[in-house]
Amino acid sequence: MEITGRQLVAELAGCDKTLLNDESRLKAILTAGIRECGFTLVRISSHQFTPIGVTVIAIISESHIALHTFPEAGHVSLDIY
């Protein structure tokens, strides 16, 4: 089987708790990062959870990027393929 891509999974701790609950800033940061890397953004979708937490999923021509935040713990789960 030929490998056609790489998947990166990261668990990031010690992150800014205010940023981790800011849906619009997270979408903007992810969008800027996608462009900076030269990827092609197809669609980005997000959801603000109650009382806190955000999920952002970006479909890129190359595959996808997803993040889910846990502001109360300063933690982000990140998946890039």
N, C-alpha and C. Protein backbone atom coordinates (compact mmCIF):
# COMPACT_ATOMS: atom_id res chain seq x y z
N MET A 1 0.83 -1.17 0.00
CA MET A 1 0.00 0.00 0.00
C MET A 1 0.87 1.24 0.00
N GLU A 2 0.59 2.16 -0.89
CA GLU A 2 1.35 3.39 -0.97
C GLU A 2 0.73 4.44 -0.04
N ILE A 3 1.56 5.06 0.78
CA ILE A 3 1.09 6.11 1.68
C ILE A 3 0.87 7.38 0.87
N THR A 4 -0.31 7.96 1.00
CA THR A 4 -0.63 9.16 0.23
C THR A 4 -0.70 10.43 1.07
N GLY A 5 -0.47 10.33 2.35
CA GLY A 5 -0.52 11.50 3.20
C GLY A 5 -0.01 11.18 4.58
N ARG A 6 0.00 12.20 5.42
CA ARG A 6 0.43 12.04 6.81
C ARG A 6 -0.61 12.66 7.71
N GLN A 7 -0.85 12.00 8.82
CA GLN A 7 -1.77 12.53 9.81
C GLN A 7 -0.99 12.94 11.03
N LEU A 8 -1.23 14.17 11.47
CA LEU A 8 -0.59 14.70 12.66
C LEU A 8 -1.67 14.90 13.72
N VAL A 9 -1.46 14.33 14.87
CA VAL A 9 -2.39 14.48 15.98
C VAL A 9 -1.59 15.08 17.14
N ALA A 10 -2.13 16.14 17.72
CA ALA A 10 -1.42 16.80 18.81
C ALA A 10 -2.39 17.13 19.94
N GLU A 11 -1.89 17.01 21.14
CA GLU A 11 -2.61 17.44 22.33
C GLU A 11 -1.79 18.57 22.92
N LEU A 12 -2.34 19.77 22.91
CA LEU A 12 -1.61 20.96 23.33
C LEU A 12 -2.13 21.44 24.68
N ALA A 13 -1.24 21.61 25.64
CA ALA A 13 -1.61 22.04 26.98
C ALA A 13 -1.01 23.40 27.29
N GLY A 14 -1.59 24.07 28.27
CA GLY A 14 -1.07 25.37 28.70
C GLY A 14 -1.44 26.49 27.76
N CYS A 15 -2.52 26.33 27.00
CA CYS A 15 -2.95 27.34 26.02
C CYS A 15 -3.78 28.42 26.70
N ASP A 16 -3.88 29.56 26.04
CA ASP A 16 -4.66 30.70 26.54
C ASP A 16 -6.13 30.33 26.64
N LYS A 17 -6.66 30.33 27.84
CA LYS A 17 -8.04 29.88 28.08
C LYS A 17 -9.07 30.79 27.42
N THR A 18 -8.79 32.08 27.35
CA THR A 18 -9.72 33.01 26.71
C THR A 18 -9.78 32.75 25.21
N LEU A 19 -8.63 32.58 24.58
CA LEU A 19 -8.58 32.28 23.16
C LEU A 19 -9.31 30.99 22.84
N LEU A 20 -9.17 29.99 23.69
CA LEU A 20 -9.76 28.68 23.43
C LEU A 20 -11.28 28.70 23.45
N ASN A 21 -11.87 29.79 23.91
CA ASN A 21 -13.33 29.89 23.92
C ASN A 21 -13.82 30.96 22.94
N ASP A 22 -12.94 31.43 22.06
CA ASP A 22 -13.27 32.49 21.10
C ASP A 22 -13.40 31.89 19.70
N GLU A 23 -14.62 31.51 19.35
CA GLU A 23 -14.88 30.83 18.08
C GLU A 23 -14.38 31.63 16.87
N SER A 24 -14.68 32.91 16.81
CA SER A 24 -14.30 33.69 15.63
C SER A 24 -12.78 33.83 15.50
N ARG A 25 -12.08 34.03 16.60
CA ARG A 25 -10.61 34.12 16.54
C ARG A 25 -9.98 32.80 16.14
N LEU A 26 -10.51 31.68 16.66
CA LEU A 26 -9.97 30.37 16.29
C LEU A 26 -10.15 30.10 14.80
N LYS A 27 -11.32 30.46 14.27
CA LYS A 27 -11.55 30.30 12.82
C LYS A 27 -10.59 31.17 12.02
N ALA A 28 -10.39 32.39 12.46
CA ALA A 28 -9.48 33.30 11.75
C ALA A 28 -8.04 32.79 11.79
N ILE A 29 -7.61 32.31 12.95
CA ILE A 29 -6.24 31.78 13.09
C ILE A 29 -6.06 30.55 12.21
N LEU A 30 -7.04 29.65 12.22
CA LEU A 30 -6.94 28.44 11.40
C LEU A 30 -6.93 28.79 9.92
N THR A 31 -7.79 29.71 9.52
CA THR A 31 -7.84 30.14 8.12
C THR A 31 -6.51 30.75 7.69
N ALA A 32 -5.94 31.60 8.52
CA ALA A 32 -4.65 32.22 8.20
C ALA A 32 -3.55 31.17 8.11
N GLY A 33 -3.56 30.20 9.01
CA GLY A 33 -2.56 29.13 8.97
C GLY A 33 -2.66 28.28 7.72
N ILE A 34 -3.88 28.00 7.32
CA ILE A 34 -4.10 27.22 6.09
C ILE A 34 -3.51 27.95 4.89
N ARG A 35 -3.79 29.23 4.81
CA ARG A 35 -3.27 30.04 3.68
C ARG A 35 -1.74 30.13 3.74
N GLU A 36 -1.21 30.34 4.95
CA GLU A 36 0.25 30.45 5.12
C GLU A 36 0.96 29.17 4.68
N CYS A 37 0.33 28.02 4.90
CA CYS A 37 0.91 26.74 4.51
C CYS A 37 0.72 26.42 3.03
N GLY A 38 -0.05 27.25 2.34
CA GLY A 38 -0.27 27.02 0.91
C GLY A 38 -1.35 25.99 0.62
N PHE A 39 -2.16 25.66 1.62
CA PHE A 39 -3.27 24.73 1.41
C PHE A 39 -4.45 25.48 0.82
N THR A 40 -5.41 24.73 0.30
CA THR A 40 -6.59 25.33 -0.32
C THR A 40 -7.81 25.07 0.57
N LEU A 41 -8.34 26.13 1.14
CA LEU A 41 -9.52 26.02 2.00
C LEU A 41 -10.77 25.83 1.14
N VAL A 42 -11.50 24.77 1.43
CA VAL A 42 -12.77 24.50 0.74
C VAL A 42 -13.92 25.04 1.58
N ARG A 43 -13.92 24.70 2.87
CA ARG A 43 -14.98 25.14 3.77
C ARG A 43 -14.48 25.04 5.20
N ILE A 44 -14.96 25.96 6.02
CA ILE A 44 -14.64 25.91 7.44
C ILE A 44 -15.96 26.01 8.22
N SER A 45 -16.08 25.19 9.23
CA SER A 45 -17.29 25.15 10.04
C SER A 45 -16.88 25.08 11.51
N SER A 46 -17.73 25.65 12.36
CA SER A 46 -17.39 25.65 13.78
C SER A 46 -18.65 25.59 14.62
N HIS A 47 -18.42 25.27 15.89
CA HIS A 47 -19.52 25.23 16.85
C HIS A 47 -19.02 25.69 18.20
N GLN A 48 -19.74 26.63 18.81
CA GLN A 48 -19.45 27.11 20.16
C GLN A 48 -20.31 26.31 21.13
N PHE A 49 -19.69 25.61 22.04
CA PHE A 49 -20.43 24.80 23.02
C PHE A 49 -20.80 25.65 24.23
N THR A 50 -21.85 25.23 24.91
CA THR A 50 -22.30 25.87 26.13
C THR A 50 -22.02 24.94 27.30
N PRO A 51 -21.33 25.35 28.32
CA PRO A 51 -20.99 26.72 28.62
C PRO A 51 -19.67 27.17 27.97
N ILE A 52 -18.75 26.25 27.66
CA ILE A 52 -17.49 26.65 27.03
C ILE A 52 -16.99 25.55 26.11
N GLY A 53 -16.09 25.93 25.22
CA GLY A 53 -15.47 24.98 24.29
C GLY A 53 -15.88 25.28 22.86
N VAL A 54 -14.96 25.00 21.95
CA VAL A 54 -15.19 25.26 20.53
C VAL A 54 -14.62 24.10 19.72
N THR A 55 -15.34 23.72 18.67
CA THR A 55 -14.81 22.80 17.66
C THR A 55 -14.77 23.55 16.34
N VAL A 56 -13.65 23.45 15.64
CA VAL A 56 -13.50 24.04 14.31
C VAL A 56 -13.00 22.94 13.38
N ILE A 57 -13.66 22.79 12.24
CA ILE A 57 -13.26 21.80 11.25
C ILE A 57 -13.11 22.50 9.91
N ALA A 58 -11.95 22.33 9.31
CA ALA A 58 -11.68 22.91 8.00
C ALA A 58 -11.50 21.78 6.99
N ILE A 59 -12.27 21.86 5.93
CA ILE A 59 -12.05 20.96 4.80
C ILE A 59 -11.11 21.69 3.86
N ILE A 60 -9.99 21.05 3.57
CA ILE A 60 -9.02 21.61 2.63
C ILE A 60 -8.90 20.65 1.46
N SER A 61 -8.48 21.15 0.33
CA SER A 61 -8.35 20.28 -0.84
C SER A 61 -7.44 19.10 -0.55
N GLU A 62 -6.46 19.31 0.31
CA GLU A 62 -5.51 18.27 0.65
C GLU A 62 -6.08 17.25 1.62
N SER A 63 -7.09 17.59 2.43
CA SER A 63 -7.80 16.70 3.34
C SER A 63 -8.58 17.50 4.37
N HIS A 64 -8.10 17.54 5.66
CA HIS A 64 -8.85 18.25 6.70
C HIS A 64 -7.95 18.68 7.85
N ILE A 65 -8.47 19.65 8.62
CA ILE A 65 -7.86 20.06 9.87
C ILE A 65 -9.00 20.24 10.86
N ALA A 66 -8.86 19.66 12.04
CA ALA A 66 -9.90 19.78 13.06
C ALA A 66 -9.26 20.10 14.40
N LEU A 67 -9.95 20.94 15.17
CA LEU A 67 -9.49 21.20 16.52
C LEU A 67 -10.70 21.26 17.46
N HIS A 68 -10.46 20.83 18.67
CA HIS A 68 -11.49 20.91 19.71
C HIS A 68 -10.82 21.44 20.96
N THR A 69 -11.46 22.45 21.57
CA THR A 69 -10.84 23.09 22.73
C THR A 69 -11.53 22.71 24.04
N PHE A 70 -10.73 22.74 25.07
CA PHE A 70 -11.18 22.53 26.45
C PHE A 70 -10.64 23.71 27.26
N PRO A 71 -11.30 24.88 27.15
CA PRO A 71 -10.77 26.09 27.79
C PRO A 71 -10.54 25.95 29.28
N GLU A 72 -11.40 25.23 29.97
CA GLU A 72 -11.25 25.09 31.41
C GLU A 72 -9.94 24.43 31.80
N ALA A 73 -9.37 23.67 30.88
CA ALA A 73 -8.10 22.98 31.13
C ALA A 73 -6.94 23.58 30.35
N GLY A 74 -7.21 24.61 29.51
CA GLY A 74 -6.15 25.18 28.68
C GLY A 74 -5.64 24.19 27.66
N HIS A 75 -6.53 23.34 27.12
CA HIS A 75 -6.15 22.21 26.30
C HIS A 75 -6.83 22.25 24.92
N VAL A 76 -6.06 21.89 23.89
CA VAL A 76 -6.58 21.78 22.52
C VAL A 76 -6.19 20.42 21.96
N SER A 77 -7.16 19.75 21.34
CA SER A 77 -6.87 18.53 20.57
C SER A 77 -6.88 18.94 19.10
N LEU A 78 -5.82 18.59 18.37
CA LEU A 78 -5.64 19.01 16.99
C LEU A 78 -5.40 17.80 16.11
N ASP A 79 -6.06 17.77 14.95
CA ASP A 79 -5.90 16.68 13.97
C ASP A 79 -5.71 17.31 12.60
N ILE A 80 -4.58 17.02 11.98
CA ILE A 80 -4.28 17.54 10.65
C ILE A 80 -3.96 16.35 9.75
N TYR A 81 -4.63 16.29 8.61
CA TYR A 81 -4.30 15.26 7.64
C TYR A 81 -4.14 15.92 6.29
